Amino acid sequence: MPPGSKPLPPGEAVDQRKSMFTWNLAEAEGWQHGKIPAPAASLSAHGKRAWKTWMNAWWASFYSAEDLPGLQLLVMLYDKVMLEEIDVTKILPLLDRYGITPKGRQDLRWAQLPVKAEASTPTPEVQDEIAERRQTRRSNLA
């Protein structure tokens, strides 16, 4: 055996890689610091909808009050993208940094708590036009 420290017996060795990439689980949903801040009045309907969606999403539980200025800037830029004033590639790094994209949530190691299945199967609610068409087609085939 080469000179140096001896290896620890099996089960006593510390694996330093385990603590390096731990996932943070969202234990709640939505903004966790009181009432959701109002979006800027200058936003279009696209920006206001994005703000409401982002602040009510499960990953918003990771945001702190210190993140608000960056989120406000991001929603303004998102609004400009939706109005086709700037290109989406200009804001993608910011979307990733704030965990809004799946890639960003993976980079930040944010995960949603697994949803427990309900004992009874509720009737499916139609939430959009495509789902309504799909349900109609399935009922016609049955």
N, C-alpha and C. Protein backbone atom coordinates (compact mmCIF):
# COMPACT_ATOMS: atom_id res chain seq x y z
N MET A 1 0.84 -1.17 0.00
CA MET A 1 0.00 0.00 0.00
C MET A 1 0.89 1.24 0.00
N PRO A 2 0.54 2.26 -0.79
CA PRO A 2 1.38 3.47 -0.84
C PRO A 2 1.32 4.23 0.47
N PRO A 3 2.31 5.07 0.74
CA PRO A 3 2.32 5.82 1.99
C PRO A 3 1.17 6.82 2.02
N GLY A 4 0.76 7.20 3.21
CA GLY A 4 -0.34 8.16 3.37
C GLY A 4 -1.34 7.64 4.38
N SER A 5 -2.46 8.29 4.46
CA SER A 5 -3.47 7.87 5.44
C SER A 5 -4.15 6.58 4.98
N LYS A 6 -4.50 5.78 5.93
CA LYS A 6 -5.15 4.51 5.65
C LYS A 6 -6.63 4.75 5.39
N PRO A 7 -7.25 3.98 4.50
CA PRO A 7 -8.68 4.14 4.27
C PRO A 7 -9.48 3.69 5.49
N LEU A 8 -10.61 4.35 5.69
CA LEU A 8 -11.49 3.99 6.80
C LEU A 8 -12.20 2.68 6.49
N PRO A 9 -12.61 1.97 7.53
CA PRO A 9 -13.35 0.73 7.30
C PRO A 9 -14.66 1.00 6.55
N PRO A 10 -15.19 0.00 5.84
CA PRO A 10 -16.44 0.19 5.11
C PRO A 10 -17.56 0.68 6.03
N GLY A 11 -18.33 1.64 5.54
CA GLY A 11 -19.43 2.20 6.32
C GLY A 11 -19.03 3.41 7.15
N GLU A 12 -17.74 3.64 7.35
CA GLU A 12 -17.29 4.78 8.15
C GLU A 12 -16.71 5.89 7.27
N ALA A 13 -16.48 5.58 6.01
CA ALA A 13 -15.94 6.59 5.10
C ALA A 13 -17.00 7.65 4.81
N VAL A 14 -16.56 8.89 4.68
CA VAL A 14 -17.47 9.99 4.40
C VAL A 14 -17.41 10.27 2.90
N ASP A 15 -18.57 10.20 2.26
CA ASP A 15 -18.64 10.50 0.83
C ASP A 15 -18.97 11.98 0.69
N GLN A 16 -17.98 12.77 0.27
CA GLN A 16 -18.14 14.22 0.20
C GLN A 16 -19.07 14.64 -0.94
N ARG A 17 -19.29 13.77 -1.90
CA ARG A 17 -20.15 14.13 -3.03
C ARG A 17 -21.62 14.16 -2.66
N LYS A 18 -22.02 13.47 -1.61
CA LYS A 18 -23.43 13.40 -1.24
C LYS A 18 -24.02 14.76 -0.88
N SER A 19 -23.29 15.57 -0.14
CA SER A 19 -23.82 16.85 0.31
C SER A 19 -23.64 17.95 -0.73
N MET A 20 -22.99 17.64 -1.83
CA MET A 20 -22.70 18.66 -2.81
C MET A 20 -23.92 19.05 -3.65
N PHE A 21 -24.74 18.10 -4.01
CA PHE A 21 -25.83 18.37 -4.93
C PHE A 21 -27.17 17.94 -4.34
N THR A 22 -27.53 18.50 -3.21
CA THR A 22 -28.81 18.15 -2.60
C THR A 22 -29.92 18.99 -3.23
N TRP A 23 -31.09 18.41 -3.29
CA TRP A 23 -32.25 19.09 -3.85
C TRP A 23 -33.02 19.76 -2.72
N ASN A 24 -33.52 20.96 -2.98
CA ASN A 24 -34.37 21.69 -2.04
C ASN A 24 -35.81 21.46 -2.43
N LEU A 25 -36.61 20.94 -1.53
CA LEU A 25 -38.01 20.67 -1.82
C LEU A 25 -38.88 21.85 -1.37
N ALA A 26 -39.79 22.24 -2.24
CA ALA A 26 -40.73 23.31 -1.91
C ALA A 26 -41.78 22.74 -0.97
N GLU A 27 -41.82 23.24 0.25
CA GLU A 27 -42.76 22.72 1.23
C GLU A 27 -44.08 23.44 1.20
N ALA A 28 -44.17 24.50 0.42
CA ALA A 28 -45.42 25.25 0.27
C ALA A 28 -45.50 25.73 -1.17
N GLU A 29 -46.61 26.35 -1.51
CA GLU A 29 -46.77 26.89 -2.85
C GLU A 29 -47.00 28.38 -2.78
N GLY A 30 -46.50 29.07 -3.79
CA GLY A 30 -46.74 30.49 -3.91
C GLY A 30 -45.83 31.35 -3.04
N TRP A 31 -46.03 32.64 -3.15
CA TRP A 31 -45.27 33.65 -2.41
C TRP A 31 -45.51 33.45 -0.93
N GLN A 32 -44.46 33.40 -0.14
CA GLN A 32 -44.55 33.07 1.29
C GLN A 32 -44.35 34.25 2.22
N HIS A 33 -44.33 35.46 1.71
CA HIS A 33 -43.99 36.62 2.55
C HIS A 33 -45.14 37.62 2.59
N GLY A 34 -46.30 37.16 3.00
CA GLY A 34 -47.46 38.04 3.08
C GLY A 34 -48.22 38.10 1.76
N LYS A 35 -48.89 39.22 1.58
CA LYS A 35 -49.69 39.42 0.38
C LYS A 35 -48.79 39.50 -0.86
N ILE A 36 -49.25 38.92 -1.96
CA ILE A 36 -48.46 38.95 -3.20
C ILE A 36 -48.33 40.39 -3.66
N PRO A 37 -47.12 40.85 -3.94
CA PRO A 37 -46.94 42.23 -4.41
C PRO A 37 -47.67 42.46 -5.74
N ALA A 38 -48.21 43.63 -5.89
CA ALA A 38 -48.94 43.96 -7.12
C ALA A 38 -47.96 44.14 -8.27
N PRO A 39 -48.35 43.73 -9.47
CA PRO A 39 -47.47 43.95 -10.63
C PRO A 39 -47.46 45.43 -11.00
N ALA A 40 -46.46 45.80 -11.77
CA ALA A 40 -46.35 47.20 -12.20
C ALA A 40 -47.56 47.57 -13.05
N ALA A 41 -48.05 48.78 -12.89
CA ALA A 41 -49.24 49.23 -13.62
C ALA A 41 -48.97 49.33 -15.12
N SER A 42 -47.72 49.50 -15.51
CA SER A 42 -47.38 49.68 -16.92
C SER A 42 -47.37 48.38 -17.71
N LEU A 43 -47.57 47.23 -17.05
CA LEU A 43 -47.52 45.95 -17.75
C LEU A 43 -48.78 45.73 -18.57
N SER A 44 -48.60 44.99 -19.67
CA SER A 44 -49.75 44.59 -20.48
C SER A 44 -50.41 43.39 -19.80
N ALA A 45 -51.45 42.88 -20.41
CA ALA A 45 -52.16 41.72 -19.87
C ALA A 45 -51.22 40.51 -19.80
N HIS A 46 -50.30 40.38 -20.76
CA HIS A 46 -49.33 39.27 -20.76
C HIS A 46 -48.45 39.31 -19.52
N GLY A 47 -47.93 40.49 -19.21
CA GLY A 47 -47.05 40.64 -18.06
C GLY A 47 -47.78 40.42 -16.75
N LYS A 48 -49.02 40.93 -16.64
CA LYS A 48 -49.78 40.75 -15.41
C LYS A 48 -50.13 39.29 -15.19
N ARG A 49 -50.46 38.57 -16.28
CA ARG A 49 -50.75 37.15 -16.16
C ARG A 49 -49.50 36.38 -15.75
N ALA A 50 -48.35 36.74 -16.33
CA ALA A 50 -47.09 36.08 -15.97
C ALA A 50 -46.77 36.32 -14.50
N TRP A 51 -46.92 37.55 -14.03
CA TRP A 51 -46.65 37.88 -12.62
C TRP A 51 -47.51 37.04 -11.69
N LYS A 52 -48.81 36.96 -12.01
CA LYS A 52 -49.73 36.19 -11.17
C LYS A 52 -49.35 34.71 -11.19
N THR A 53 -49.02 34.19 -12.36
CA THR A 53 -48.63 32.78 -12.48
C THR A 53 -47.36 32.50 -11.71
N TRP A 54 -46.34 33.35 -11.88
CA TRP A 54 -45.06 33.12 -11.21
C TRP A 54 -45.20 33.20 -9.71
N MET A 55 -45.97 34.15 -9.21
CA MET A 55 -46.09 34.34 -7.77
C MET A 55 -46.94 33.27 -7.09
N ASN A 56 -47.78 32.59 -7.86
CA ASN A 56 -48.61 31.53 -7.30
C ASN A 56 -48.05 30.14 -7.56
N ALA A 57 -46.96 30.03 -8.30
CA ALA A 57 -46.37 28.74 -8.63
C ALA A 57 -45.62 28.17 -7.42
N TRP A 58 -45.39 26.89 -7.44
CA TRP A 58 -44.72 26.25 -6.29
C TRP A 58 -43.31 26.77 -6.10
N TRP A 59 -42.62 27.13 -7.17
CA TRP A 59 -41.24 27.59 -7.03
C TRP A 59 -41.16 29.00 -6.43
N ALA A 60 -42.27 29.72 -6.35
CA ALA A 60 -42.26 31.05 -5.72
C ALA A 60 -41.99 30.94 -4.23
N SER A 61 -42.15 29.76 -3.67
CA SER A 61 -41.88 29.60 -2.23
C SER A 61 -40.39 29.77 -1.93
N PHE A 62 -39.55 29.68 -2.95
CA PHE A 62 -38.12 29.87 -2.75
C PHE A 62 -37.71 31.35 -2.84
N TYR A 63 -38.58 32.21 -3.36
CA TYR A 63 -38.25 33.63 -3.49
C TYR A 63 -38.29 34.32 -2.13
N SER A 64 -37.44 35.31 -1.98
CA SER A 64 -37.46 36.14 -0.78
C SER A 64 -37.78 37.57 -1.19
N ALA A 65 -37.97 38.43 -0.23
CA ALA A 65 -38.27 39.83 -0.53
C ALA A 65 -37.13 40.49 -1.31
N GLU A 66 -35.92 40.00 -1.13
CA GLU A 66 -34.77 40.56 -1.85
C GLU A 66 -34.82 40.24 -3.34
N ASP A 67 -35.61 39.25 -3.74
CA ASP A 67 -35.72 38.87 -5.15
C ASP A 67 -36.71 39.74 -5.92
N LEU A 68 -37.53 40.52 -5.23
CA LEU A 68 -38.57 41.29 -5.91
C LEU A 68 -38.06 42.24 -6.99
N PRO A 69 -37.02 43.04 -6.75
CA PRO A 69 -36.57 43.93 -7.83
C PRO A 69 -36.16 43.17 -9.10
N GLY A 70 -35.48 42.05 -8.94
CA GLY A 70 -35.09 41.26 -10.10
C GLY A 70 -36.29 40.65 -10.79
N LEU A 71 -37.26 40.18 -10.01
CA LEU A 71 -38.48 39.62 -10.60
C LEU A 71 -39.29 40.68 -11.32
N GLN A 72 -39.33 41.89 -10.77
CA GLN A 72 -40.05 42.98 -11.43
C GLN A 72 -39.38 43.35 -12.75
N LEU A 73 -38.06 43.39 -12.76
CA LEU A 73 -37.33 43.65 -14.00
C LEU A 73 -37.60 42.53 -15.00
N LEU A 74 -37.58 41.31 -14.53
CA LEU A 74 -37.79 40.16 -15.40
C LEU A 74 -39.19 40.17 -16.01
N VAL A 75 -40.21 40.50 -15.25
CA VAL A 75 -41.56 40.51 -15.81
C VAL A 75 -41.72 41.65 -16.82
N MET A 76 -41.01 42.76 -16.61
CA MET A 76 -41.05 43.85 -17.60
C MET A 76 -40.39 43.41 -18.91
N LEU A 77 -39.27 42.71 -18.79
CA LEU A 77 -38.60 42.20 -19.99
C LEU A 77 -39.46 41.13 -20.67
N TYR A 78 -40.09 40.27 -19.87
CA TYR A 78 -40.99 39.25 -20.43
C TYR A 78 -42.13 39.92 -21.20
N ASP A 79 -42.65 41.01 -20.65
CA ASP A 79 -43.71 41.75 -21.31
C ASP A 79 -43.25 42.28 -22.66
N LYS A 80 -42.03 42.78 -22.71
CA LYS A 80 -41.47 43.28 -23.97
C LYS A 80 -41.30 42.15 -24.99
N VAL A 81 -40.95 40.97 -24.51
CA VAL A 81 -40.84 39.82 -25.40
C VAL A 81 -42.20 39.47 -25.98
N MET A 82 -43.22 39.44 -25.12
CA MET A 82 -44.56 39.11 -25.58
C MET A 82 -45.11 40.15 -26.55
N LEU A 83 -44.68 41.39 -26.41
CA LEU A 83 -45.10 42.45 -27.33
C LEU A 83 -44.17 42.54 -28.53
N GLU A 84 -43.23 41.59 -28.62
CA GLU A 84 -42.27 41.47 -29.73
C GLU A 84 -41.38 42.70 -29.88
N GLU A 85 -41.03 43.31 -28.76
CA GLU A 85 -40.11 44.44 -28.77
C GLU A 85 -38.66 43.99 -28.64
N ILE A 86 -38.44 42.86 -27.94
CA ILE A 86 -37.10 42.28 -27.84
C ILE A 86 -37.20 40.78 -28.08
N ASP A 87 -36.05 40.15 -28.31
CA ASP A 87 -36.00 38.72 -28.59
C ASP A 87 -35.95 37.93 -27.28
N VAL A 88 -36.60 36.77 -27.27
CA VAL A 88 -36.67 35.95 -26.06
C VAL A 88 -35.30 35.47 -25.60
N THR A 89 -34.35 35.32 -26.51
CA THR A 89 -33.03 34.83 -26.11
C THR A 89 -32.32 35.80 -25.17
N LYS A 90 -32.75 37.05 -25.17
CA LYS A 90 -32.12 38.04 -24.28
C LYS A 90 -32.51 37.83 -22.82
N ILE A 91 -33.68 37.21 -22.55
CA ILE A 91 -34.10 37.05 -21.16
C ILE A 91 -34.01 35.61 -20.68
N LEU A 92 -33.69 34.66 -21.54
CA LEU A 92 -33.61 33.26 -21.11
C LEU A 92 -32.66 33.04 -19.93
N PRO A 93 -31.47 33.64 -19.91
CA PRO A 93 -30.60 33.44 -18.73
C PRO A 93 -31.25 33.93 -17.43
N LEU A 94 -31.99 35.03 -17.49
CA LEU A 94 -32.67 35.53 -16.29
C LEU A 94 -33.81 34.60 -15.88
N LEU A 95 -34.55 34.08 -16.87
CA LEU A 95 -35.62 33.13 -16.56
C LEU A 95 -35.04 31.91 -15.87
N ASP A 96 -33.89 31.45 -16.35
CA ASP A 96 -33.23 30.31 -15.72
C ASP A 96 -32.78 30.65 -14.30
N ARG A 97 -32.20 31.82 -14.13
CA ARG A 97 -31.64 32.21 -12.83
C ARG A 97 -32.71 32.32 -11.74
N TYR A 98 -33.91 32.71 -12.14
CA TYR A 98 -34.99 32.83 -11.16
C TYR A 98 -35.85 31.57 -11.08
N GLY A 99 -35.43 30.49 -11.72
CA GLY A 99 -36.11 29.21 -11.59
C GLY A 99 -37.45 29.14 -12.29
N ILE A 100 -37.67 29.98 -13.28
CA ILE A 100 -38.96 29.99 -13.97
C ILE A 100 -39.01 28.90 -15.03
N THR A 101 -37.87 28.58 -15.62
CA THR A 101 -37.83 27.51 -16.61
C THR A 101 -37.48 26.18 -15.93
N PRO A 102 -37.85 25.06 -16.55
CA PRO A 102 -37.44 23.76 -15.99
C PRO A 102 -35.92 23.64 -15.85
N LYS A 103 -35.18 24.16 -16.83
CA LYS A 103 -33.72 24.13 -16.75
C LYS A 103 -33.22 24.92 -15.53
N GLY A 104 -33.82 26.08 -15.30
CA GLY A 104 -33.43 26.89 -14.16
C GLY A 104 -33.71 26.21 -12.83
N ARG A 105 -34.88 25.54 -12.75
CA ARG A 105 -35.20 24.83 -11.50
C ARG A 105 -34.25 23.66 -11.29
N GLN A 106 -33.84 23.02 -12.37
CA GLN A 106 -32.88 21.92 -12.23
C GLN A 106 -31.51 22.46 -11.82
N ASP A 107 -31.09 23.57 -12.42
CA ASP A 107 -29.80 24.17 -12.06
C ASP A 107 -29.78 24.60 -10.59
N LEU A 108 -30.89 25.13 -10.10
CA LEU A 108 -30.98 25.58 -8.72
C LEU A 108 -31.28 24.44 -7.74
N ARG A 109 -31.55 23.25 -8.27
CA ARG A 109 -31.89 22.06 -7.47
C ARG A 109 -33.16 22.29 -6.67
N TRP A 110 -34.18 22.87 -7.34
CA TRP A 110 -35.47 23.07 -6.72
C TRP A 110 -36.40 21.97 -7.20
N ALA A 111 -37.16 21.38 -6.31
CA ALA A 111 -38.11 20.34 -6.69
C ALA A 111 -39.40 20.52 -5.91
N GLN A 112 -40.47 20.09 -6.54
CA GLN A 112 -41.78 20.14 -5.90
C GLN A 112 -41.98 18.87 -5.09
N LEU A 113 -42.63 19.00 -3.95
CA LEU A 113 -42.95 17.81 -3.17
C LEU A 113 -43.86 16.91 -3.99
N PRO A 114 -43.66 15.60 -3.92
CA PRO A 114 -44.55 14.70 -4.66
C PRO A 114 -46.00 14.87 -4.20
N VAL A 115 -46.89 14.87 -5.16
CA VAL A 115 -48.31 15.02 -4.86
C VAL A 115 -48.87 13.65 -4.52
N LYS A 116 -49.57 13.56 -3.38
CA LYS A 116 -50.16 12.29 -2.97
C LYS A 116 -51.43 12.06 -3.77
N ALA A 117 -51.59 10.83 -4.25
CA ALA A 117 -52.79 10.49 -5.01
C ALA A 117 -53.98 10.40 -4.07
N GLU A 118 -55.12 10.90 -4.53
CA GLU A 118 -56.33 10.83 -3.72
C GLU A 118 -56.92 9.43 -3.79
N ALA A 119 -57.61 9.04 -2.74
CA ALA A 119 -58.19 7.70 -2.68
C ALA A 119 -59.28 7.52 -3.73
N SER A 120 -60.15 8.52 -3.87
CA SER A 120 -61.20 8.42 -4.87
C SER A 120 -60.77 9.17 -6.13
N THR A 121 -61.22 8.70 -7.27
CA THR A 121 -60.87 9.34 -8.53
C THR A 121 -61.94 10.37 -8.86
N PRO A 122 -61.61 11.65 -8.78
CA PRO A 122 -62.60 12.67 -9.09
C PRO A 122 -62.85 12.75 -10.60
N THR A 123 -63.98 13.29 -10.97
CA THR A 123 -64.26 13.45 -12.39
C THR A 123 -63.32 14.52 -12.94
N PRO A 124 -62.79 14.28 -14.14
CA PRO A 124 -61.84 15.26 -14.70
C PRO A 124 -62.54 16.57 -15.06
N GLU A 125 -61.92 17.65 -14.70
CA GLU A 125 -62.46 18.95 -15.03
C GLU A 125 -61.85 19.43 -16.33
N VAL A 126 -62.67 19.97 -17.18
CA VAL A 126 -62.19 20.49 -18.45
C VAL A 126 -61.64 21.88 -18.20
N GLN A 127 -60.34 22.07 -18.52
CA GLN A 127 -59.70 23.34 -18.21
C GLN A 127 -59.38 24.15 -19.46
N ASP A 128 -59.35 23.54 -20.61
CA ASP A 128 -59.07 24.30 -21.81
C ASP A 128 -59.75 23.64 -23.00
N GLU A 129 -59.69 24.29 -24.11
CA GLU A 129 -60.40 23.84 -25.31
C GLU A 129 -59.90 22.49 -25.81
N ILE A 130 -58.59 22.28 -25.78
CA ILE A 130 -58.02 21.01 -26.25
C ILE A 130 -58.47 19.86 -25.36
N ALA A 131 -58.44 20.06 -24.05
CA ALA A 131 -58.88 19.01 -23.14
C ALA A 131 -60.36 18.71 -23.33
N GLU A 132 -61.14 19.75 -23.61
CA GLU A 132 -62.58 19.54 -23.85
C GLU A 132 -62.80 18.70 -25.10
N ARG A 133 -62.06 19.01 -26.17
CA ARG A 133 -62.18 18.22 -27.40
C ARG A 133 -61.75 16.78 -27.17
N ARG A 134 -60.66 16.61 -26.44
CA ARG A 134 -60.18 15.26 -26.16
C ARG A 134 -61.20 14.45 -25.38
N GLN A 135 -61.82 15.07 -24.38
CA GLN A 135 -62.82 14.40 -23.58
C GLN A 135 -64.05 14.05 -24.41
N THR A 136 -64.46 14.96 -25.30
CA THR A 136 -65.60 14.70 -26.17
C THR A 136 -65.31 13.53 -27.09
N ARG A 137 -64.09 13.51 -27.66
CA ARG A 137 -63.71 12.42 -28.57
C ARG A 137 -63.68 11.08 -27.83
N ARG A 138 -63.16 11.07 -26.62
CA ARG A 138 -63.11 9.82 -25.85
C ARG A 138 -64.51 9.33 -25.48
N SER A 139 -65.40 10.26 -25.13
CA SER A 139 -66.76 9.82 -24.78
C SER A 139 -67.50 9.31 -26.01
N ASN A 140 -67.21 9.85 -27.20
CA ASN A 140 -67.84 9.37 -28.44
C ASN A 140 -67.34 7.98 -28.80
N LEU A 141 -66.08 7.68 -28.47
CA LEU A 141 -65.51 6.37 -28.80
C LEU A 141 -66.02 5.31 -27.84
N ALA A 142 -66.39 5.69 -26.64
CA ALA A 142 -66.80 4.70 -25.62
C ALA A 142 -68.20 4.18 -25.85
